[in-house]
C-alpha atoms as a PDB file:
ATOM      1  CA  MET A   1       1.647  35.328  -4.241  1.00  0.00           C
ATOM      2  CA  SER A   2      -0.829  32.504  -4.689  1.00  0.00           C
ATOM      3  CA  LEU A   3       0.445  28.968  -4.444  1.00  0.00           C
ATOM      4  CA  VAL A   4      -1.061  28.225  -7.849  1.00  0.00           C
ATOM      5  CA  ALA A   5       0.305  31.233  -9.749  1.00  0.00           C
ATOM      6  CA  VAL A   6       2.145  30.166 -12.875  1.00  0.00           C
ATOM      7  CA  ARG A   7       4.367  32.432 -14.925  1.00  0.00           C
ATOM      8  CA  PRO A   8       5.530  31.023 -18.249  1.00  0.00           C
ATOM      9  CA  VAL A   9       9.278  30.763 -18.668  1.00  0.00           C
ATOM     10  CA  ALA A  10      11.089  32.123 -21.704  1.00  0.00           C
ATOM     11  CA  GLU A  11      11.856  28.765 -23.292  1.00  0.00           C
ATOM     12  CA  PRO A  12      10.228  25.389 -22.655  1.00  0.00           C
ATOM     13  CA  TYR A  13      12.097  22.121 -22.965  1.00  0.00           C
ATOM     14  CA  GLY A  14      13.683  21.593 -26.361  1.00  0.00           C
ATOM     15  CA  GLU A  15      14.641  23.820 -29.232  1.00  0.00           C
ATOM     16  CA  GLU A  16      12.502  26.699 -30.426  1.00  0.00           C
ATOM     17  CA  ASP A  17      12.381  25.397 -33.981  1.00  0.00           C
ATOM     18  CA  GLY A  18      10.766  22.070 -32.985  1.00  0.00           C
ATOM     19  CA  ASP A  19       7.164  21.058 -33.522  1.00  0.00           C
ATOM     20  CA  GLY A  20       5.094  23.186 -31.129  1.00  0.00           C
ATOM     21  CA  ALA A  21       2.417  20.535 -30.604  1.00  0.00           C
ATOM     22  CA  VAL A  22       5.016  17.913 -29.722  1.00  0.00           C
ATOM     23  CA  GLN A  23       6.746  20.284 -27.285  1.00  0.00           C
ATOM     24  CA  LEU A  24       3.419  21.071 -25.644  1.00  0.00           C
ATOM     25  CA  LEU A  25       2.557  17.381 -25.356  1.00  0.00           C
ATOM     26  CA  LEU A  26       5.952  16.585 -23.811  1.00  0.00           C
ATOM     27  CA  CYS A  27       5.703  19.394 -21.268  1.00  0.00           C
ATOM     28  CA  ALA A  28       2.088  18.635 -20.388  1.00  0.00           C
ATOM     29  CA  HIS A  29       2.821  14.926 -20.039  1.00  0.00           C
ATOM     30  CA  ALA A  30       5.749  15.600 -17.705  1.00  0.00           C
ATOM     31  CA  GLU A  31       3.592  17.889 -15.599  1.00  0.00           C
ATOM     32  CA  ARG A  32       0.660  15.452 -15.471  1.00  0.00           C
ATOM     33  CA  ARG A  33       2.964  12.642 -14.458  1.00  0.00           C
ATOM     34  CA  TRP A  34       4.506  14.770 -11.671  1.00  0.00           C
ATOM     35  CA  LEU A  35       1.074  15.672 -10.341  1.00  0.00           C
ATOM     36  CA  ALA A  36      -0.141  12.071 -10.428  1.00  0.00           C
ATOM     37  CA  THR A  37       2.933  10.288  -9.083  1.00  0.00           C
ATOM     38  CA  GLN A  38       4.502  12.782  -6.685  1.00  0.00           C
ATOM     39  CA  ILE A  39       1.891  15.177  -5.367  1.00  0.00           C
ATOM     40  CA  ALA A  40      -1.401  13.246  -5.455  1.00  0.00           C
ATOM     41  CA  PRO A  41      -0.154  10.321  -3.296  1.00  0.00           C
ATOM     42  CA  LEU A  42       1.157  12.726  -0.644  1.00  0.00           C
ATOM     43  CA  LEU A  43      -2.128  14.647  -0.677  1.00  0.00           C
ATOM     44  CA  GLU A  44      -4.032  11.386  -0.253  1.00  0.00           C
ATOM     45  CA  ASP A  45      -1.945  10.544   2.815  1.00  0.00           C
ATOM     46  CA  LEU A  46      -2.432  14.033   4.248  1.00  0.00           C
ATOM     47  CA  ASP A  47      -6.183  13.868   3.605  1.00  0.00           C
ATOM     48  CA  LEU A  48      -6.602  10.590   5.488  1.00  0.00           C
ATOM     49  CA  GLU A  49      -7.431  10.852   9.159  1.00  0.00           C
ATOM     50  CA  ASP A  50      -4.654   8.403  10.083  1.00  0.00           C
ATOM     51  CA  GLY A  51      -2.516   8.872   6.965  1.00  0.00           C
ATOM     52  CA  VAL A  52       0.232  11.029   8.460  1.00  0.00           C
ATOM     53  CA  PRO A  53       0.730  10.872  12.236  1.00  0.00           C
ATOM     54  CA  GLY A  54       1.079  14.123  14.219  1.00  0.00           C
ATOM     55  CA  ALA A  55       4.886  14.157  14.383  1.00  0.00           C
ATOM     56  CA  GLY A  56       5.174  13.305  10.693  1.00  0.00           C
ATOM     57  CA  ARG A  57       2.782  16.007   9.523  1.00  0.00           C
ATOM     58  CA  ALA A  58       5.274  18.911   9.544  1.00  0.00           C
ATOM     59  CA  PRO A  59       7.865  17.039   7.433  1.00  0.00           C
ATOM     60  CA  ALA A  60       5.113  15.872   5.067  1.00  0.00           C
ATOM     61  CA  LEU A  61       3.937  19.462   4.610  1.00  0.00           C
ATOM     62  CA  ALA A  62       7.524  20.614   4.007  1.00  0.00           C
ATOM     63  CA  CYS A  63       7.857  17.897   1.377  1.00  0.00           C
ATOM     64  CA  LEU A  64       4.572  19.008  -0.192  1.00  0.00           C
ATOM     65  CA  ARG A  65       5.859  22.584  -0.425  1.00  0.00           C
ATOM     66  CA  VAL A  66       9.036  21.440  -2.215  1.00  0.00           C
ATOM     67  CA  LEU A  67       7.096  19.170  -4.580  1.00  0.00           C
ATOM     68  CA  TRP A  68       4.644  21.976  -5.331  1.00  0.00           C
ATOM     69  CA  ASP A  69       7.489  24.384  -6.106  1.00  0.00           C
ATOM     70  CA  GLU A  70       8.767  21.864  -8.657  1.00  0.00           C
ATOM     71  CA  GLU A  71       5.234  21.572 -10.047  1.00  0.00           C
ATOM     72  CA  LEU A  72       5.074  25.331 -10.566  1.00  0.00           C
ATOM     73  CA  SER A  73       8.299  25.114 -12.554  1.00  0.00           C
ATOM     74  CA  LEU A  74       6.873  22.329 -14.723  1.00  0.00           C
ATOM     75  CA  ALA A  75       3.654  24.315 -15.158  1.00  0.00           C
ATOM     76  CA  ALA A  76       5.630  27.334 -16.320  1.00  0.00           C
ATOM     77  CA  HIS A  77       7.268  25.207 -19.022  1.00  0.00           C
ATOM     78  CA  THR A  78       3.892  23.809 -20.058  1.00  0.00           C
ATOM     79  CA  GLU A  79       2.358  27.281 -20.302  1.00  0.00           C
ATOM     80  CA  ALA A  80       5.339  28.602 -22.265  1.00  0.00           C
ATOM     81  CA  ALA A  81       4.980  25.742 -24.749  1.00  0.00           C
ATOM     82  CA  PHE A  82       1.262  26.489 -25.042  1.00  0.00           C
ATOM     83  CA  LEU A  83       1.893  30.179 -25.701  1.00  0.00           C
ATOM     84  CA  ARG A  84       4.355  29.284 -28.438  1.00  0.00           C
ATOM     85  CA  LEU A  85       1.942  26.902 -30.141  1.00  0.00           C
ATOM     86  CA  PRO A  86       0.924  28.339 -33.502  1.00  0.00           C
ATOM     87  CA  ALA A  87      -2.744  29.219 -33.896  1.00  0.00           C
ATOM     88  CA  ALA A  88      -2.898  27.073 -37.034  1.00  0.00           C
ATOM     89  CA  ALA A  89      -5.138  24.041 -37.121  1.00  0.00           C
ATOM     90  CA  GLY A  90      -3.696  20.619 -36.471  1.00  0.00           C
ATOM     91  CA  ALA A  91      -2.821  20.904 -32.799  1.00  0.00           C
ATOM     92  CA  GLU A  92      -6.289  20.289 -31.343  1.00  0.00           C
ATOM     93  CA  GLY A  93      -5.125  17.152 -29.543  1.00  0.00           C
ATOM     94  CA  ALA A  94      -2.247  18.978 -27.891  1.00  0.00           C
ATOM     95  CA  ARG A  95      -4.535  21.839 -26.902  1.00  0.00           C
ATOM     96  CA  GLY A  96      -7.070  19.403 -25.439  1.00  0.00           C
ATOM     97  CA  PHE A  97      -4.417  17.574 -23.442  1.00  0.00           C
ATOM     98  CA  HIS A  98      -3.067  20.918 -22.225  1.00  0.00           C
ATOM     99  CA  GLU A  99      -6.553  21.886 -21.006  1.00  0.00           C
ATOM    100  CA  SER A 100      -6.934  18.599 -19.130  1.00  0.00           C
ATOM    101  CA  VAL A 101      -3.554  19.071 -17.443  1.00  0.00           C
ATOM    102  CA  ARG A 102      -4.455  22.657 -16.604  1.00  0.00           C
ATOM    103  CA  ALA A 103      -7.691  21.451 -14.984  1.00  0.00           C
ATOM    104  CA  LEU A 104      -5.797  18.798 -13.014  1.00  0.00           C
ATOM    105  CA  ARG A 105      -3.277  21.439 -11.910  1.00  0.00           C
ATOM    106  CA  GLY A 106      -6.100  23.640 -10.658  1.00  0.00           C
ATOM    107  CA  GLU A 107      -7.786  20.819  -8.772  1.00  0.00           C
ATOM    108  CA  VAL A 108      -4.553  19.645  -7.154  1.00  0.00           C
ATOM    109  CA  GLY A 109      -3.531  23.252  -6.480  1.00  0.00           C
ATOM    110  CA  ARG A 110      -6.708  23.859  -4.489  1.00  0.00           C
ATOM    111  CA  ARG A 111      -5.961  20.810  -2.357  1.00  0.00           C
ATOM    112  CA  VAL A 112      -2.336  21.897  -1.877  1.00  0.00           C
ATOM    113  CA  GLU A 113      -3.473  25.366  -0.784  1.00  0.00           C
ATOM    114  CA  LEU A 114      -5.752  23.838   1.857  1.00  0.00           C
ATOM    115  CA  HIS A 115      -2.795  22.005   3.381  1.00  0.00           C
ATOM    116  CA  LEU A 116      -0.222  24.786   3.077  1.00  0.00           C
ATOM    117  CA  ARG A 117      -2.475  27.652   4.149  1.00  0.00           C
ATOM    118  CA  PRO A 118      -1.356  29.028   7.519  1.00  0.00           C
ATOM    119  CA  GLN A 119      -3.669  27.740  10.232  1.00  0.00           C
ATOM    120  CA  ALA A 120      -5.326  30.230  12.574  1.00  0.00           C
ATOM    121  CA  GLN A 121      -4.367  29.455  16.152  1.00  0.00           C
END
């Protein structure tokens, strides 16, 4: 399975009878924040030539794998909220924010894959 595969979960955060746009915004915001504050800084350190010394690289990669697993869970909630969003007009802002988070997820996911891909020896 790809490291960036996302399967929506049955129910996102919150009650099913809530405002779909608000639920989508909450899920997308939580995911964006996780990507920006937890995963991106670690990727920056791993990308730097002297960012993570040799002995610290394996633990940093293990940490990245755990953080990415959590990201996939957040992404599943975001996608579930998006799928439940009514097609009616009025949620353009939530849809736009969702698309920007989805793009960020894809960009970060490509970088994560580069680090977690098994190295040929």
